[in-house]
Amino acid sequence: MTSSARAIIDLDVTGHTINRHIYGHFAEHLGRCIYDGFWVGEDSPIPNERGIRLDIVEALRALDIPNLRWPGGCFADTYHWRDGIGPREDRPQIANTNWGDVVENNHFGTHEFMDLCDMLGADAYVNGNVGSGTVQEMSEWVEYLTRGDDSPMARLRRQNGRDEPWRVPFWGIGNEAWGCGGNMSAEYYAEEARRYATFCHNHGDNRLTRIAAGAHEDDLDWTRVLMKTLTECHGCTLYGNLPYQAVSFHYYTHSGSGINTEDALPFSDDQYYRTMAYAADMDRVIRGHIAVMDSYDPTGRVGLVCDEWGTWWNVEEGTNPGFLFQQNTVRDALVAGIHFDIFHRYERLTMANIAQTVNVLQAMVLTDGDRMVLTPTYHVFEMNKGHQDARRLVSHLVDAPSTTVEGTPLDLVSLSASTKDDAALISVSHLSADADCTVTVDLRGRRADVRRARVLTGGSAADFNDVDAPDRVSPQPLEARVEDGILTVVVPPHSFSTIELDLV
């Protein structure tokens, strides 16, 4: 059975630049993300550089990873940064009460994280502690990281082996303040965010983007309070400097029963389609937050950040329930494909961070001892990296197959496109569980030739990679042709495809 879809793309009419930071990542002190993930220690037989695992670094560098958020998540609001500096043997142990109630040794701290960012070529996104910390603690952390003269915190950094300051452009003002970050009301947190952000100073030429901890999914009231607090700030109006430059929200995808309630596999066709519908609903959520922000900030000075997104299934049987280790299937990869098509539409969306990078939730990489597996989601990031900092091309989906999920229509084809350096990249997510689809795209305004086309799929939407079959789900060549300005490609069921074009 084969369906069909038609689209139009004007190759000579460009929109906004797709911010590379929507392809960001997240690494929390949770389960095996940091320890036994990024960090193996200098004495490990696993190849490493200063304790950081090299195969993971190499894999992530291939994604052109733009930023990395750390140390949490919920962990951020229990983390006191001075515990993670100085000689490792002198650092105090701490209890990770959020995730598994385990004791960790703080061997991975500020210097190790910044070393990791340098190795990845990624910007640092440091999430500060509002829940159990102090304004002074956060202010001094910013100074420790970014000040270059002979200030007290700069001297302390030099005592710990780092002479020059780092560039740290992104700073989170707490995390999920409505929940694990303090169970605060929106009004109380908004005042705290304004106060904390005021004392996170720009030092030297380092300019911070301060990100206020925002809503759970479509809690528009939380966003409204954050934006209202900005506009009613007398000092902000007087001096013209906003305390925070972005507000965040979190959105986890599941099949409708809630996070951590169903298995990553196996799953039914009904669960599969409900997952796709939940992923597609991200568009409604983003539009809602932007509408609120537009009413207070019509010129777009404040950015929207989705600094936690991804699928959240039950942990794999036999693993620590607090470690959030789940398998990663073609279904998860398609969630990523749908999300990126949505993210590309919105200029106000300035950053997004998938949760999480290694061994946790919708991870890029899974490790098993000295072996490493790239997940289907990893391949979506790699296939899509050409969209980073490219100019968006408006894609008109004229006709597409659809289905209905619990009374709501769901298009079974999602696509987006961008252009950069006389080239274009088209991404196509095909959500049908069982039918091929012939996709034709009317390419207008410039002549185009196919440079490369690839497809990511499996024998079923539940296929995944593991150490015994690490390439079961991996990009494969896809036949695509352009004749008389019409791109034609036949995409298989439950697949993600990219078509790279040379433009003349």
Protein backbone atom coordinates (compact mmCIF):
# COMPACT_ATOMS: atom_id res chain seq x y z
CA MET A 1 0.00 0.00 0.00
CA THR A 2 1.35 3.45 -0.97
CA SER A 3 0.00 6.90 -0.13
CA SER A 4 1.08 10.25 -1.55
CA ALA A 5 1.93 13.72 -0.30
CA ARG A 6 2.59 17.00 -2.13
CA ALA A 7 4.52 20.06 -0.96
CA ILE A 8 5.82 23.37 -2.31
CA ILE A 9 9.12 25.00 -1.35
CA ASP A 10 10.24 28.42 -2.64
CA LEU A 11 14.02 28.03 -2.74
CA ASP A 12 14.58 31.76 -3.32
CA VAL A 13 12.38 33.05 -0.47
CA THR A 14 14.05 32.70 2.93
CA GLY A 15 12.81 33.28 6.44
CA HIS A 16 14.64 33.63 9.74
CA THR A 17 17.93 31.91 10.56
CA ILE A 18 17.36 28.62 12.40
CA ASN A 19 19.22 29.05 15.67
CA ARG A 20 21.80 26.31 16.02
CA HIS A 21 21.11 26.21 19.75
CA ILE A 22 17.79 24.42 19.24
CA TYR A 23 20.03 21.39 18.65
CA GLY A 24 21.34 21.61 22.23
CA HIS A 25 21.88 18.81 24.72
CA PHE A 26 21.46 18.14 28.43
CA ALA A 27 23.72 16.26 30.86
CA GLU A 28 22.53 15.84 34.44
CA HIS A 29 24.04 14.06 37.41
CA LEU A 30 21.45 11.34 36.91
CA GLY A 31 22.01 7.62 36.57
CA ARG A 32 24.89 6.84 34.21
CA CYS A 33 24.87 10.10 32.26
CA ILE A 34 27.91 11.68 33.94
CA TYR A 35 29.55 8.80 35.82
CA ASP A 36 30.02 5.79 33.54
CA GLY A 37 28.90 8.03 30.70
CA PHE A 38 30.92 11.16 30.03
CA TRP A 39 33.26 10.57 32.96
CA VAL A 40 35.23 7.35 33.44
CA GLY A 41 38.21 8.78 35.35
CA GLU A 42 41.83 9.07 34.36
CA ASP A 43 42.67 5.54 35.57
CA SER A 44 40.00 3.86 33.42
CA PRO A 45 41.10 1.35 30.73
CA ILE A 46 38.46 2.98 28.50
CA PRO A 47 40.25 5.53 26.27
CA ASN A 48 39.89 8.93 27.88
CA GLU A 49 41.46 12.34 28.07
CA ARG A 50 41.73 13.72 31.59
CA GLY A 51 38.97 11.30 32.63
CA ILE A 52 36.52 12.21 29.84
CA ARG A 53 35.49 9.33 27.61
CA LEU A 54 36.84 9.92 24.09
CA ASP A 55 34.46 7.81 21.98
CA ILE A 56 31.50 9.80 23.28
CA VAL A 57 33.29 13.08 22.60
CA GLU A 58 34.05 11.97 19.04
CA ALA A 59 30.45 10.90 18.45
CA LEU A 60 29.02 14.19 19.73
CA ARG A 61 31.50 16.32 17.82
CA ALA A 62 30.12 14.71 14.65
CA LEU A 63 26.74 16.29 15.52
CA ASP A 64 28.21 19.81 15.72
CA ILE A 65 26.75 19.93 19.23
CA PRO A 66 26.12 23.65 19.92
CA ASN A 67 25.62 23.70 23.69
CA LEU A 68 25.46 21.46 26.74
CA ARG A 69 23.30 22.08 29.82
CA TRP A 70 24.63 20.99 33.25
CA PRO A 71 24.47 19.96 36.18
CA GLY A 72 20.67 19.56 36.06
CA GLY A 73 17.68 19.35 36.06
CA CYS A 74 16.43 18.69 39.56
CA PHE A 75 20.01 18.00 40.63
CA ALA A 76 20.94 21.64 39.96
CA ASP A 77 18.87 22.87 42.90
CA THR A 78 20.75 20.63 45.33
CA TYR A 79 24.21 21.24 43.83
CA HIS A 80 26.72 23.51 45.56
CA TRP A 81 29.48 24.26 43.12
CA ARG A 82 32.29 24.64 45.67
CA ASP A 83 31.93 20.90 46.41
CA GLY A 84 33.15 20.21 42.86
CA ILE A 85 36.37 22.24 42.65
CA GLY A 86 39.90 21.70 43.91
CA PRO A 87 41.84 18.41 44.18
CA ARG A 88 39.43 15.55 43.52
CA GLU A 89 40.62 13.57 46.51
CA ASP A 90 39.63 16.47 48.77
CA ARG A 91 36.14 16.99 47.39
CA PRO A 92 33.29 16.00 49.72
CA GLN A 93 30.89 13.23 48.83
CA ILE A 94 27.26 14.20 48.35
CA ALA A 95 23.93 12.37 48.33
CA ASN A 96 22.00 12.54 45.07
CA THR A 97 18.56 12.50 46.67
CA ASN A 98 16.74 13.23 43.42
CA TRP A 99 18.04 10.35 41.32
CA GLY A 100 18.53 6.95 42.90
CA ASP A 101 19.55 8.28 46.33
CA VAL A 102 23.14 7.33 45.57
CA VAL A 103 26.32 8.87 46.97
CA GLU A 104 28.71 10.44 44.46
CA ASN A 105 32.24 11.70 44.87
CA ASN A 106 32.07 15.03 43.03
CA HIS A 107 34.97 14.07 40.76
CA PHE A 108 33.10 15.67 37.88
CA GLY A 109 32.70 19.36 38.69
CA THR A 110 33.08 22.80 37.18
CA HIS A 111 36.55 22.35 35.67
CA GLU A 112 35.71 18.92 34.27
CA PHE A 113 32.49 20.23 32.73
CA MET A 114 34.23 23.17 31.09
CA ASP A 115 36.96 20.82 29.86
CA LEU A 116 34.22 18.66 28.31
CA CYS A 117 32.64 21.68 26.60
CA ASP A 118 36.04 22.68 25.19
CA MET A 119 36.56 19.16 23.83
CA LEU A 120 33.09 19.17 22.26
CA GLY A 121 33.40 22.68 20.87
CA ALA A 122 30.11 23.43 22.63
CA ASP A 123 28.91 26.47 24.54
CA ALA A 124 28.32 25.93 28.25
CA TYR A 125 24.83 26.24 29.70
CA VAL A 126 25.27 26.24 33.48
CA ASN A 127 22.14 25.80 35.60
CA GLY A 128 22.38 27.53 38.97
CA ASN A 129 20.91 26.60 42.33
CA VAL A 130 17.88 28.65 43.39
CA GLY A 131 16.09 25.93 45.35
CA SER A 132 18.66 25.33 48.10
CA GLY A 133 21.34 27.88 47.23
CA THR A 134 21.86 31.59 47.73
CA VAL A 135 22.15 34.62 45.51
CA GLN A 136 25.75 35.05 46.63
CA GLU A 137 26.60 31.44 45.77
CA MET A 138 25.32 31.80 42.22
CA SER A 139 26.89 35.22 41.75
CA GLU A 140 30.26 33.90 42.85
CA TRP A 141 30.00 30.93 40.51
CA VAL A 142 29.53 33.30 37.57
CA GLU A 143 32.55 35.29 38.76
CA TYR A 144 34.63 32.13 39.23
CA LEU A 145 33.91 31.00 35.69
CA THR A 146 34.08 34.25 33.74
CA ARG A 147 36.11 36.98 35.49
CA GLY A 148 39.64 37.64 34.30
CA ASP A 149 41.26 40.06 36.75
CA ASP A 150 42.40 39.61 40.35
CA SER A 151 38.99 39.28 41.97
CA PRO A 152 38.54 36.80 44.83
CA MET A 153 36.80 34.18 42.68
CA ALA A 154 39.28 34.63 39.80
CA ARG A 155 42.11 34.03 42.25
CA LEU A 156 40.38 30.90 43.53
CA ARG A 157 40.02 29.61 39.97
CA ARG A 158 43.73 30.16 39.35
CA GLN A 159 44.55 28.29 42.55
CA ASN A 160 42.64 25.38 41.05
CA GLY A 161 44.70 25.40 37.86
CA ARG A 162 42.81 27.61 35.39
CA ASP A 163 44.38 30.97 34.59
CA GLU A 164 42.12 32.41 31.91
CA PRO A 165 38.35 32.79 32.40
CA TRP A 166 35.97 30.70 30.38
CA ARG A 167 33.25 31.95 28.09
CA VAL A 168 29.92 30.87 29.56
CA PRO A 169 27.07 32.43 27.57
CA PHE A 170 24.06 30.65 29.11
CA TRP A 171 22.94 30.64 32.73
CA GLY A 172 19.84 28.95 34.14
CA ILE A 173 18.14 30.61 37.11
CA GLY A 174 17.03 27.43 38.84
CA ASN A 175 15.03 24.55 37.38
CA GLU A 176 11.36 23.52 37.55
CA ALA A 177 10.70 25.94 40.40
CA TRP A 178 7.07 24.76 40.36
CA GLY A 179 8.24 21.27 41.39
CA CYS A 180 11.60 19.79 42.40
CA GLY A 181 13.20 23.25 42.30
CA GLY A 182 11.29 24.45 45.35
CA ASN A 183 7.53 23.92 44.88
CA MET A 184 7.16 27.68 44.46
CA SER A 185 4.26 29.70 43.19
CA ALA A 186 4.81 31.51 39.91
CA GLU A 187 4.64 34.88 41.66
CA TYR A 188 7.21 33.96 44.29
CA TYR A 189 9.59 32.42 41.79
CA ALA A 190 9.33 35.40 39.41
CA GLU A 191 10.53 37.73 42.15
CA GLU A 192 13.35 35.31 43.05
CA ALA A 193 14.37 34.95 39.41
CA ARG A 194 14.57 38.72 39.02
CA ARG A 195 16.66 39.00 42.18
CA TYR A 196 19.04 36.13 41.35
CA ALA A 197 19.48 37.28 37.75
CA THR A 198 20.36 40.79 38.91
CA PHE A 199 23.45 39.48 40.68
CA CYS A 200 24.59 37.22 37.84
CA HIS A 201 26.91 39.83 36.39
CA ASN A 202 28.57 40.20 33.01
CA HIS A 203 32.31 40.07 33.64
CA GLY A 204 34.73 41.35 31.01
CA ASP A 205 33.39 40.62 27.54
CA ASN A 206 31.33 37.60 28.67
CA ARG A 207 27.64 38.33 28.16
CA LEU A 208 25.15 36.08 29.91
CA THR A 209 21.83 34.95 28.59
CA ARG A 210 19.99 34.44 31.88
CA ILE A 211 17.19 31.89 31.51
CA ALA A 212 14.29 31.94 33.98
CA ALA A 213 12.92 28.52 34.91
CA GLY A 214 9.62 28.30 33.11
CA ALA A 215 6.48 26.30 32.71
CA HIS A 216 5.52 22.66 32.70
CA GLU A 217 4.21 22.01 29.19
CA ASP A 218 1.29 24.37 28.45
CA ASP A 219 1.08 26.18 31.80
CA LEU A 220 0.67 29.58 30.16
CA ASP A 221 -0.08 31.27 33.48
CA TRP A 222 3.50 30.60 34.59
CA THR A 223 4.85 32.25 31.46
CA ARG A 224 2.41 35.14 31.88
CA VAL A 225 3.65 35.82 35.42
CA LEU A 226 7.30 35.74 34.33
CA MET A 227 6.65 38.17 31.49
CA LYS A 228 4.43 40.45 33.61
CA THR A 229 7.12 40.61 36.29
CA LEU A 230 9.63 41.80 33.70
CA THR A 231 7.41 44.57 32.40
CA GLU A 232 6.54 45.76 35.92
CA CYS A 233 10.19 45.92 37.02
CA HIS A 234 10.86 49.62 37.75
CA GLY A 235 14.62 49.27 37.68
CA CYS A 236 14.45 47.28 34.45
CA THR A 237 12.44 50.05 32.81
CA LEU A 238 14.68 52.73 34.28
CA TYR A 239 17.98 51.23 33.14
CA GLY A 240 16.77 49.29 30.12
CA ASN A 241 18.44 46.01 31.10
CA LEU A 242 16.22 42.98 31.54
CA PRO A 243 17.21 40.76 34.50
CA TYR A 244 16.63 37.62 32.41
CA GLN A 245 16.79 37.31 28.65
CA ALA A 246 14.80 34.09 28.17
CA VAL A 247 12.13 31.95 29.80
CA SER A 248 12.01 28.19 29.52
CA PHE A 249 9.46 25.41 29.43
CA HIS A 250 9.71 21.61 29.58
CA TYR A 251 7.83 19.14 27.42
CA TYR A 252 8.16 15.35 27.64
CA THR A 253 6.48 13.08 25.11
CA HIS A 254 4.61 9.89 25.98
CA SER A 255 1.63 8.06 24.53
CA GLY A 256 -1.00 9.86 26.56
CA SER A 257 -0.86 8.06 29.91
CA GLY A 258 1.83 10.28 31.40
CA ILE A 259 5.60 10.08 31.74
CA ASN A 260 7.14 6.93 33.15
CA THR A 261 3.94 4.89 32.77
CA GLU A 262 4.51 2.77 29.65
CA ASP A 263 7.40 0.74 28.28
CA ALA A 264 9.83 1.92 25.63
CA LEU A 265 9.07 -1.41 23.95
CA PRO A 266 7.10 -3.31 22.99
CA PHE A 267 4.20 -1.04 22.05
CA SER A 268 1.03 -1.29 19.99
CA ASP A 269 0.12 0.67 16.85
CA ASP A 270 -2.34 2.62 18.98
CA GLN A 271 0.41 3.60 21.42
CA TYR A 272 2.66 4.50 18.50
CA TYR A 273 0.13 6.88 16.93
CA ARG A 274 -0.75 8.42 20.29
CA THR A 275 2.96 9.13 20.79
CA MET A 276 3.18 10.82 17.40
CA ALA A 277 0.12 12.94 18.23
CA TYR A 278 1.60 13.97 21.58
CA ALA A 279 4.85 14.94 19.87
CA ALA A 280 2.98 16.99 17.25
CA ASP A 281 1.14 18.85 20.01
CA MET A 282 4.42 20.60 20.79
CA ASP A 283 3.41 23.09 18.09
CA ARG A 284 0.30 24.15 20.00
CA VAL A 285 2.27 24.50 23.22
CA ILE A 286 4.96 26.69 21.63
CA ARG A 287 2.37 28.88 19.91
CA GLY A 288 0.63 29.38 23.24
CA HIS A 289 3.76 30.51 25.06
CA ILE A 290 4.75 32.79 22.19
CA ALA A 291 1.30 34.41 22.15
CA VAL A 292 1.67 35.26 25.84
CA MET A 293 5.21 36.56 25.32
CA ASP A 294 4.14 38.65 22.32
CA SER A 295 1.53 40.43 24.42
CA TYR A 296 4.20 41.66 26.86
CA ASP A 297 7.23 41.78 24.58
CA PRO A 298 6.11 42.53 21.02
CA THR A 299 9.66 43.30 19.84
CA GLY A 300 10.96 39.85 20.83
CA ARG A 301 13.67 40.83 23.32
CA VAL A 302 12.99 37.74 25.46
CA GLY A 303 13.68 34.30 24.02
CA LEU A 304 11.76 31.08 24.57
CA VAL A 305 13.81 28.02 25.56
CA CYS A 306 12.69 24.39 25.69
CA ASP A 307 15.60 23.15 27.77
CA GLU A 308 14.14 19.71 28.45
CA TRP A 309 12.34 17.67 25.80
CA GLY A 310 12.18 14.06 24.71
CA THR A 311 10.37 10.79 25.39
CA TRP A 312 10.00 9.45 28.92
CA TRP A 313 9.22 5.74 29.23
CA ASN A 314 9.51 3.20 32.03
CA VAL A 315 13.06 2.23 32.94
CA GLU A 316 14.37 -0.98 31.45
CA GLU A 317 13.72 -4.05 33.56
CA GLY A 318 16.48 -4.78 36.04
CA THR A 319 17.87 -1.23 36.12
CA ASN A 320 17.75 1.28 38.98
CA PRO A 321 14.34 3.04 38.82
CA GLY A 322 16.04 6.32 39.70
CA PHE A 323 18.50 6.12 36.80
CA LEU A 324 15.89 6.57 34.01
CA PHE A 325 17.62 4.24 31.55
CA GLN A 326 15.37 3.40 28.59
CA GLN A 327 15.80 1.87 25.18
CA ASN A 328 15.66 4.15 22.12
CA THR A 329 13.66 3.06 19.07
CA VAL A 330 12.61 4.32 15.65
CA ARG A 331 9.54 5.73 17.41
CA ASP A 332 11.79 7.96 19.53
CA ALA A 333 13.72 9.07 16.46
CA LEU A 334 10.47 10.18 14.80
CA VAL A 335 9.56 12.22 17.89
CA ALA A 336 12.83 14.08 17.36
CA GLY A 337 12.09 14.56 13.67
CA ILE A 338 8.64 16.01 14.38
CA HIS A 339 10.01 18.30 17.09
CA PHE A 340 12.71 19.74 14.85
CA ASP A 341 10.20 20.49 12.09
CA ILE A 342 8.22 22.43 14.72
CA PHE A 343 11.26 24.13 16.27
CA HIS A 344 12.37 25.41 12.86
CA ARG A 345 9.17 27.47 12.51
CA TYR A 346 9.67 29.80 15.44
CA GLU A 347 12.28 32.55 15.58
CA ARG A 348 11.51 33.32 19.23
CA LEU A 349 12.55 29.76 20.16
CA THR A 350 16.24 30.38 20.79
CA MET A 351 17.32 27.09 22.38
CA ALA A 352 16.20 23.53 23.00
CA ASN A 353 17.94 20.73 24.90
CA ILE A 354 17.11 17.06 24.49
CA ALA A 355 16.97 15.05 27.70
CA GLN A 356 19.47 13.53 27.93
CA THR A 357 22.74 13.02 26.12
CA VAL A 358 24.07 9.71 27.50
CA ASN A 359 22.32 6.70 29.08
CA VAL A 360 19.27 8.65 30.33
CA LEU A 361 15.80 9.02 28.74
CA GLN A 362 15.98 9.84 24.99
CA ALA A 363 19.75 9.58 24.79
CA MET A 364 22.12 10.07 21.89
CA VAL A 365 24.48 7.39 23.15
CA LEU A 366 24.15 4.24 25.27
CA THR A 367 27.21 2.66 26.88
CA ASP A 368 27.90 -0.87 28.04
CA GLY A 369 31.34 -1.07 29.63
CA ASP A 370 33.87 -0.13 26.96
CA ARG A 371 31.28 -0.40 24.17
CA MET A 372 29.11 2.43 22.89
CA VAL A 373 25.91 2.43 20.81
CA LEU A 374 24.56 5.32 18.75
CA THR A 375 20.78 5.47 19.06
CA PRO A 376 18.24 6.13 16.29
CA THR A 377 17.74 9.60 17.82
CA TYR A 378 21.46 10.29 17.42
CA HIS A 379 21.13 9.71 13.69
CA VAL A 380 18.27 12.23 13.39
CA PHE A 381 20.53 14.87 14.95
CA GLU A 382 23.35 13.97 12.57
CA MET A 383 21.15 13.92 9.47
CA ASN A 384 19.61 17.26 10.46
CA LYS A 385 22.73 19.17 11.49
CA GLY A 386 22.78 21.10 8.21
CA HIS A 387 19.78 23.11 9.46
CA GLN A 388 21.92 24.74 12.14
CA ASP A 389 22.29 28.47 11.37
CA ALA A 390 20.68 27.99 7.95
CA ARG A 391 17.90 30.19 6.60
CA ARG A 392 14.47 28.65 6.94
CA LEU A 393 12.57 27.89 3.76
CA VAL A 394 8.80 28.01 4.10
CA SER A 395 7.38 24.60 3.24
CA HIS A 396 3.75 24.32 2.18
CA LEU A 397 2.34 20.84 2.68
CA VAL A 398 -0.44 20.91 0.10
CA ASP A 399 -1.72 17.39 0.55
CA ALA A 400 -0.76 14.57 2.91
CA PRO A 401 -2.22 11.35 4.29
CA SER A 402 -3.65 11.67 7.78
CA THR A 403 -5.27 9.71 10.55
CA THR A 404 -7.29 10.54 13.62
CA VAL A 405 -5.95 10.00 17.13
CA GLU A 406 -8.58 10.24 19.87
CA GLY A 407 -10.61 12.61 17.74
CA THR A 408 -7.70 14.83 16.68
CA PRO A 409 -6.35 14.80 13.10
CA LEU A 410 -2.69 13.84 12.67
CA ASP A 411 -0.83 14.46 9.42
CA LEU A 412 1.31 11.44 8.61
CA VAL A 413 3.94 13.54 6.82
CA SER A 414 5.93 16.34 8.47
CA LEU A 415 8.66 18.28 6.70
CA SER A 416 10.88 21.34 6.94
CA ALA A 417 13.61 22.88 4.81
CA SER A 418 16.46 25.36 4.99
CA THR A 419 19.19 26.81 2.81
CA LYS A 420 22.82 27.77 3.33
CA ASP A 421 25.83 28.22 1.02
CA ASP A 422 23.98 27.42 -2.24
CA ALA A 423 22.59 24.24 -0.79
CA ALA A 424 19.28 23.18 0.70
CA LEU A 425 18.29 20.50 3.20
CA ILE A 426 14.82 18.98 3.31
CA SER A 427 13.73 16.77 6.22
CA VAL A 428 10.75 14.43 5.95
CA SER A 429 9.18 12.46 8.80
CA HIS A 430 6.75 9.79 7.60
CA LEU A 431 4.60 8.52 10.45
CA SER A 432 2.51 5.78 8.86
CA ALA A 433 3.05 2.48 10.63
CA ASP A 434 2.59 0.34 7.54
CA ALA A 435 2.47 2.25 4.21
CA ASP A 436 5.03 3.73 1.84
CA CYS A 437 4.49 7.33 0.75
CA THR A 438 5.41 8.99 -2.52
CA VAL A 439 6.39 12.56 -1.67
CA THR A 440 6.58 15.13 -4.47
CA VAL A 441 7.93 18.62 -3.79
CA ASP A 442 7.52 21.50 -6.23
CA LEU A 443 10.87 23.31 -5.96
CA ARG A 444 10.42 26.90 -7.09
CA GLY A 445 12.74 29.85 -7.62
CA ARG A 446 16.06 28.04 -8.19
CA ARG A 447 17.25 24.97 -10.02
CA ALA A 448 18.21 22.09 -7.77
CA ASP A 449 20.10 18.82 -8.10
CA VAL A 450 20.12 16.01 -5.57
CA ARG A 451 23.46 15.78 -3.80
CA ARG A 452 22.53 13.03 -1.33
CA ALA A 453 19.39 11.45 0.11
CA ARG A 454 19.26 9.22 3.19
CA VAL A 455 16.59 7.40 5.14
CA LEU A 456 16.43 6.13 8.73
CA THR A 457 13.98 3.37 9.54
CA GLY A 458 13.70 -0.22 10.71
CA GLY A 459 11.69 -3.34 10.16
CA SER A 460 9.23 -1.86 12.64
CA ALA A 461 8.87 1.34 14.64
CA ALA A 462 10.13 -0.64 17.63
CA ASP A 463 13.54 -1.44 16.13
CA PHE A 464 16.55 -0.26 18.14
CA ASN A 465 20.32 -0.51 18.32
CA ASP A 466 22.27 -2.43 20.94
CA VAL A 467 25.79 -3.76 21.38
CA ASP A 468 24.91 -6.92 19.45
CA ALA A 469 23.42 -4.97 16.52
CA PRO A 470 24.74 -1.39 16.75
CA ASP A 471 23.76 -0.52 13.15
CA ARG A 472 20.32 -2.13 12.99
CA VAL A 473 18.84 1.37 12.68
CA SER A 474 21.24 3.61 10.78
CA PRO A 475 21.04 6.00 7.80
CA GLN A 476 20.84 4.29 4.41
CA PRO A 477 20.92 5.67 0.85
CA LEU A 478 17.54 6.76 -0.49
CA GLU A 479 16.62 7.17 -4.13
CA ALA A 480 15.54 10.72 -4.95
CA ARG A 481 15.35 12.61 -8.22
CA VAL A 482 14.53 16.12 -9.49
CA GLU A 483 12.88 16.40 -12.91
CA ASP A 484 11.48 19.68 -14.26
CA GLY A 485 11.71 21.22 -10.81
CA ILE A 486 9.80 18.40 -9.08
CA LEU A 487 11.55 16.41 -6.36
CA THR A 488 10.21 12.89 -6.03
CA VAL A 489 11.06 10.45 -3.27
CA VAL A 490 9.34 7.33 -1.97
CA VAL A 491 9.73 7.04 1.80
CA PRO A 492 9.03 3.82 3.73
CA PRO A 493 6.77 3.53 6.77
CA HIS A 494 7.89 4.97 10.15
CA SER A 495 10.90 6.69 8.59
CA PHE A 496 12.93 9.87 8.80
CA SER A 497 14.59 11.10 5.60
CA THR A 498 16.79 13.96 4.53
CA ILE A 499 17.43 15.20 0.99
CA GLU A 500 20.43 17.45 0.37
CA LEU A 501 20.24 19.66 -2.71
CA ASP A 502 22.77 21.68 -4.67
CA LEU A 503 21.21 24.96 -5.79
CA VAL A 504 22.05 26.74 -9.02
